[in-house]
N, C-alpha and C. Protein backbone atom coordinates (compact mmCIF):
# COMPACT_ATOMS: atom_id res chain seq x y z
N UNK A 1 1.17 -0.87 0.10
CA UNK A 1 -0.10 -0.08 -0.05
C UNK A 1 1.19 1.21 0.18
N UNK A 2 0.35 2.40 -1.09
CA UNK A 2 1.10 3.27 -0.89
C UNK A 2 1.21 4.71 -0.05
N UNK A 3 1.66 4.82 0.79
CA UNK A 3 2.26 6.26 1.70
C UNK A 3 0.99 7.26 0.84
N UNK A 4 0.85 7.58 2.46
CA UNK A 4 -0.60 8.75 1.57
C UNK A 4 0.29 10.73 2.01
N UNK A 5 0.67 10.92 0.58
CA UNK A 5 1.22 12.25 1.06
C UNK A 5 0.12 12.77 0.73
N UNK A 6 0.90 14.74 1.35
CA UNK A 6 0.18 15.84 1.68
C UNK A 6 -0.07 16.06 0.08
N UNK A 7 -1.15 17.27 -0.07
CA UNK A 7 -1.38 17.33 -1.58
C UNK A 7 -0.79 18.81 -2.03
N UNK A 8 -0.26 18.49 -3.04
CA UNK A 8 0.61 20.13 -3.31
C UNK A 8 -0.24 20.56 -4.15
N UNK A 9 0.02 22.14 -4.36
CA UNK A 9 -0.64 23.01 -4.85
C UNK A 9 -1.34 22.20 -6.30
N UNK A 10 -0.88 21.35 -8.01
CA UNK A 10 -0.77 20.80 -8.59
C UNK A 10 -1.39 20.19 -8.02
N UNK A 11 -1.65 19.38 -7.23
CA UNK A 11 -2.65 17.70 -6.98
C UNK A 11 -3.98 18.65 -6.59
N UNK A 12 -4.06 20.00 -6.49
CA UNK A 12 -5.85 20.54 -6.41
C UNK A 12 -6.13 21.36 -7.79
N UNK A 13 -4.40 21.26 -8.71
CA UNK A 13 -4.94 21.74 -10.15
C UNK A 13 -5.24 20.64 -11.13
N UNK A 14 -5.35 19.13 -10.30
CA UNK A 14 -5.76 18.42 -11.23
C UNK A 14 -7.03 17.87 -10.53
N UNK A 15 -7.20 17.89 -9.06
CA UNK A 15 -8.81 17.54 -9.29
C UNK A 15 -9.65 19.08 -9.17
N UNK A 16 -9.26 19.36 -8.20
CA UNK A 16 -11.20 20.66 -9.34
C UNK A 16 -10.28 22.29 -10.32
N UNK A 17 -9.28 22.01 -10.85
CA UNK A 17 -8.50 22.91 -11.76
C UNK A 17 -8.03 23.78 -11.21
N UNK A 18 -7.45 24.39 -9.92
CA UNK A 18 -6.65 25.15 -9.14
C UNK A 18 -7.43 24.84 -7.59
N UNK A 19 -6.48 25.54 -6.59
CA UNK A 19 -6.40 26.29 -5.37
C UNK A 19 -6.89 27.31 -4.95
N UNK A 20 -7.14 27.10 -4.30
CA UNK A 20 -8.73 28.54 -3.77
C UNK A 20 -7.61 29.07 -2.83
N UNK A 21 -7.88 31.03 -3.05
CA UNK A 21 -6.76 31.68 -2.52
C UNK A 21 -8.05 31.68 -0.57
N UNK A 22 -6.60 30.97 0.22
CA UNK A 22 -7.68 30.90 1.86
C UNK A 22 -7.00 32.58 1.98
N UNK A 23 -7.45 33.91 2.81
CA UNK A 23 -7.69 34.49 4.03
C UNK A 23 -7.76 34.33 4.90
N UNK A 24 -7.84 35.49 6.15
CA UNK A 24 -8.48 35.90 7.14
C UNK A 24 -8.84 37.40 6.72
N UNK A 25 -9.95 37.67 7.09
CA UNK A 25 -10.40 38.61 7.44
C UNK A 25 -10.83 38.98 8.81
N UNK A 26 -10.45 39.62 10.24
CA UNK A 26 -10.95 40.19 11.87
C UNK A 26 -10.71 38.32 11.81
N UNK A 27 -11.89 37.74 11.77
CA UNK A 27 -12.18 36.42 13.07
C UNK A 27 -12.94 35.61 11.67
N UNK A 28 -12.65 35.24 10.53
CA UNK A 28 -13.62 35.30 9.41
C UNK A 28 -13.14 34.07 8.55
N UNK A 29 -12.75 33.28 7.91
CA UNK A 29 -11.85 32.36 7.05
C UNK A 29 -11.97 32.91 5.93
N UNK A 30 -11.72 33.16 4.70
CA UNK A 30 -12.83 32.97 3.33
C UNK A 30 -11.49 32.30 2.58
N UNK A 31 -11.73 31.29 1.89
CA UNK A 31 -11.50 30.73 0.78
C UNK A 31 -12.06 31.15 -0.64
N UNK A 32 -11.83 31.48 -1.27
CA UNK A 32 -11.97 32.16 -2.70
C UNK A 32 -11.46 31.29 -3.90
N UNK A 33 -12.64 30.07 -4.37
CA UNK A 33 -12.74 29.26 -5.09
C UNK A 33 -12.91 29.89 -6.19
N UNK A 34 -13.03 31.26 -6.07
CA UNK A 34 -13.13 31.91 -7.73
C UNK A 34 -12.27 32.45 -7.98
N UNK A 35 -10.99 32.55 -7.94
CA UNK A 35 -9.91 33.06 -8.57
C UNK A 35 -9.40 31.88 -9.67
N UNK A 36 -9.57 30.28 -9.33
CA UNK A 36 -8.97 29.98 -10.48
C UNK A 36 -10.67 28.79 -11.30
N UNK A 37 -11.54 29.97 -11.13
CA UNK A 37 -13.11 29.41 -11.49
C UNK A 37 -13.85 30.60 -11.43
N UNK A 38 -14.91 30.83 -12.58
CA UNK A 38 -15.39 32.09 -12.00
C UNK A 38 -16.95 31.65 -11.82
N UNK A 39 -17.16 30.53 -11.94
CA UNK A 39 -18.70 29.81 -11.48
C UNK A 39 -18.69 28.93 -10.21
N UNK A 40 -17.23 29.44 -9.36
CA UNK A 40 -17.40 28.73 -8.30
C UNK A 40 -17.82 30.07 -7.20
N UNK A 41 -17.57 29.52 -5.87
CA UNK A 41 -18.00 30.93 -5.49
C UNK A 41 -16.68 31.26 -3.79
N UNK A 42 -17.73 32.15 -3.22
CA UNK A 42 -16.33 32.40 -1.81
C UNK A 42 -16.36 32.43 -0.55
N UNK A 43 -16.17 31.31 0.27
CA UNK A 43 -17.40 30.62 1.08
C UNK A 43 -16.50 31.65 2.52
N UNK A 44 -16.79 32.17 3.77
CA UNK A 44 -16.68 32.73 5.08
C UNK A 44 -17.55 31.89 5.98
N UNK A 45 -16.58 31.54 6.72
CA UNK A 45 -16.51 30.75 7.72
C UNK A 45 -15.35 30.73 9.11
N UNK A 46 -16.24 30.95 9.86
CA UNK A 46 -15.44 30.83 11.15
C UNK A 46 -15.17 29.84 11.71
N UNK A 47 -14.93 28.86 11.18
CA UNK A 47 -13.63 27.71 11.56
C UNK A 47 -12.59 27.74 10.33
N UNK A 48 -11.49 27.58 11.67
CA UNK A 48 -10.11 27.10 10.05
C UNK A 48 -10.28 26.15 9.61
N UNK A 49 -9.28 26.47 7.86
CA UNK A 49 -8.55 25.80 7.30
C UNK A 49 -8.83 23.85 8.09
N UNK A 50 -8.37 23.97 8.52
CA UNK A 50 -7.90 22.16 8.82
C UNK A 50 -8.91 21.74 10.31
N UNK A 51 -9.81 22.70 10.56
CA UNK A 51 -10.54 22.03 11.39
C UNK A 51 -11.95 21.72 11.24
N UNK A 52 -12.31 21.39 9.05
CA UNK A 52 -12.59 20.88 8.66
C UNK A 52 -12.59 19.11 8.32
N UNK A 53 -11.48 19.05 8.56
CA UNK A 53 -10.93 17.25 8.56
C UNK A 53 -10.46 17.43 6.58
N UNK A 54 -9.69 16.81 6.60
CA UNK A 54 -8.81 15.58 5.43
C UNK A 54 -9.86 14.67 4.83
N UNK A 55 -9.39 14.91 3.63
CA UNK A 55 -10.44 13.58 2.86
C UNK A 55 -8.91 12.47 1.88
N UNK A 56 -8.13 11.99 2.07
CA UNK A 56 -7.75 11.50 0.88
C UNK A 56 -8.12 10.84 -0.60
N UNK A 57 -7.97 11.22 -1.59
CA UNK A 57 -8.47 11.63 -2.47
C UNK A 57 -7.79 10.33 -3.80
N UNK A 58 -7.47 9.75 -4.49
CA UNK A 58 -6.69 8.82 -5.44
C UNK A 58 -6.12 10.48 -6.67
N UNK A 59 -4.76 10.39 -6.79
CA UNK A 59 -4.65 11.35 -7.63
C UNK A 59 -3.37 10.45 -8.84
N UNK A 60 -3.70 9.81 -9.65
CA UNK A 60 -2.79 9.28 -10.82
C UNK A 60 -2.62 7.98 -9.95
N UNK A 61 -3.49 7.53 -9.13
CA UNK A 61 -3.99 6.05 -8.41
C UNK A 61 -2.29 6.13 -7.42
N UNK A 62 -1.85 7.12 -6.93
CA UNK A 62 -1.93 7.21 -5.49
C UNK A 62 -2.73 8.30 -4.66
N UNK A 63 -2.59 8.05 -3.11
CA UNK A 63 -3.15 8.46 -2.35
C UNK A 63 -2.43 10.06 -1.94
N UNK A 64 -3.55 10.69 -1.69
CA UNK A 64 -3.01 12.05 -1.83
C UNK A 64 -4.36 12.72 -0.86
N UNK A 65 -4.15 12.80 0.85
CA UNK A 65 -4.38 13.96 1.62
C UNK A 65 -4.89 15.56 1.33
N UNK A 66 -5.77 15.04 0.52
CA UNK A 66 -6.33 16.86 1.13
C UNK A 66 -7.34 17.47 2.22
N UNK A 67 -7.72 19.44 2.29
CA UNK A 67 -8.01 19.68 2.99
C UNK A 67 -9.31 19.45 2.40
N UNK A 68 -10.71 19.07 3.28
CA UNK A 68 -11.06 19.35 2.45
C UNK A 68 -12.63 20.85 2.53
N UNK A 69 -11.70 22.13 3.21
CA UNK A 69 -12.20 22.71 3.66
C UNK A 69 -11.64 23.76 1.63
N UNK A 70 -11.07 23.33 1.72
CA UNK A 70 -9.97 23.48 -0.11
C UNK A 70 -11.02 23.03 -1.44
N UNK A 71 -11.64 21.83 -0.51
CA UNK A 71 -12.34 21.01 -1.93
C UNK A 71 -13.67 21.32 -2.36
N UNK A 72 -13.78 22.63 -3.38
CA UNK A 72 -14.79 23.25 -3.51
C UNK A 72 -16.03 21.75 -3.33
N UNK A 73 -15.80 20.48 -4.16
CA UNK A 73 -17.11 19.47 -3.69
C UNK A 73 -17.18 19.13 -2.75
N UNK A 74 -16.35 18.93 -2.28
CA UNK A 74 -16.83 18.51 -0.48
C UNK A 74 -17.13 19.33 0.83
N UNK A 75 -16.78 20.86 0.44
CA UNK A 75 -17.14 21.53 1.42
C UNK A 75 -18.13 22.94 0.31
N UNK A 76 -17.23 23.43 -0.53
CA UNK A 76 -18.30 24.64 -0.54
C UNK A 76 -19.06 24.47 -1.11
N UNK A 77 -19.32 23.67 -2.18
CA UNK A 77 -20.59 22.99 -3.07
C UNK A 77 -21.86 22.61 -1.81
N UNK A 78 -21.69 21.80 -0.44
CA UNK A 78 -22.16 21.81 0.00
C UNK A 78 -23.03 22.84 1.51
N UNK A 79 -22.14 23.25 1.03
CA UNK A 79 -22.37 24.65 2.24
C UNK A 79 -23.16 26.14 1.40
N UNK A 80 -22.95 25.50 0.36
CA UNK A 80 -23.88 26.88 -0.37
C UNK A 80 -25.03 26.48 -1.09
N UNK A 81 -25.45 25.31 -0.47
CA UNK A 81 -25.99 24.77 -0.89
C UNK A 81 -27.12 24.60 -0.19
N UNK A 82 -26.38 24.67 1.47
CA UNK A 82 -26.89 24.30 2.84
C UNK A 82 -27.50 25.82 2.21
N UNK A 83 -26.81 26.67 2.45
CA UNK A 83 -26.91 28.32 3.08
C UNK A 83 -28.41 28.44 1.82
N UNK A 84 -28.15 28.39 0.92
CA UNK A 84 -29.56 28.31 -0.98
C UNK A 84 -30.62 27.69 -0.31
N UNK A 85 -31.37 26.94 0.86
CA UNK A 85 -31.92 26.47 1.50
C UNK A 85 -32.31 27.41 2.89
N UNK A 86 -31.75 27.31 3.25
CA UNK A 86 -32.12 27.79 4.75
C UNK A 86 -31.84 30.07 3.91
N UNK A 87 -32.59 29.64 2.95
CA UNK A 87 -32.31 31.07 2.10
C UNK A 87 -31.73 32.50 2.58
N UNK A 88 -30.77 31.94 2.43
CA UNK A 88 -29.12 32.50 1.90
C UNK A 88 -28.75 32.76 1.08
N UNK A 89 -29.16 31.97 -0.43
CA UNK A 89 -28.60 32.27 -1.20
C UNK A 89 -27.75 31.80 -1.83
N UNK A 90 -26.88 32.11 -2.49
CA UNK A 90 -25.80 31.94 -3.31
C UNK A 90 -24.28 32.25 -2.74
N UNK A 91 -23.25 31.47 -2.89
CA UNK A 91 -22.05 31.97 -2.27
C UNK A 91 -21.90 33.52 -3.34
N UNK A 92 -21.13 34.53 -3.24
CA UNK A 92 -20.39 35.56 -4.27
C UNK A 92 -19.77 34.72 -5.52
N UNK A 93 -19.68 35.25 -5.93
CA UNK A 93 -18.52 34.98 -7.13
C UNK A 93 -18.00 36.07 -7.57
N UNK A 94 -17.10 35.77 -8.48
CA UNK A 94 -15.59 36.33 -8.98
C UNK A 94 -16.28 38.31 -8.50
N UNK A 95 -16.06 39.12 -8.46
CA UNK A 95 -16.30 40.69 -8.14
C UNK A 95 -17.47 40.66 -7.14
N UNK A 96 -17.12 39.77 -6.29
CA UNK A 96 -18.67 39.66 -5.12
C UNK A 96 -19.25 39.68 -5.55
N UNK A 97 -20.19 39.71 -6.58
CA UNK A 97 -21.60 38.94 -7.35
C UNK A 97 -22.40 37.73 -6.69
N UNK A 98 -23.47 37.54 -5.83
CA UNK A 98 -24.29 36.59 -5.99
C UNK A 98 -24.58 36.01 -7.31
N UNK A 99 -25.00 35.19 -7.05
CA UNK A 99 -25.91 34.56 -7.72
C UNK A 99 -27.14 33.96 -7.01
N UNK A 100 -27.68 34.78 -6.94
CA UNK A 100 -29.39 34.54 -6.33
C UNK A 100 -29.64 34.61 -7.57
């Protein structure tokens, strides 16, 4: 069995098209997926990136450990759907516009 390694920017590029920009705005963590795909949103929350856990995905048949918070399909998209279902609308896209 292969040893699991930490994901690199190239791994994020391969599994979702790019690496989100992560920054702090006061006590809020901002994970901006729109920097690599304008159809994806900007996720804002009070959890640090590591608090969302990790997922092991296969990249070229090799196990690679990713931060869940940086994966749109495992974190951004489900959270956006939950927000929309509760009346919060979709997350902002590139340029700060939301797709409500």
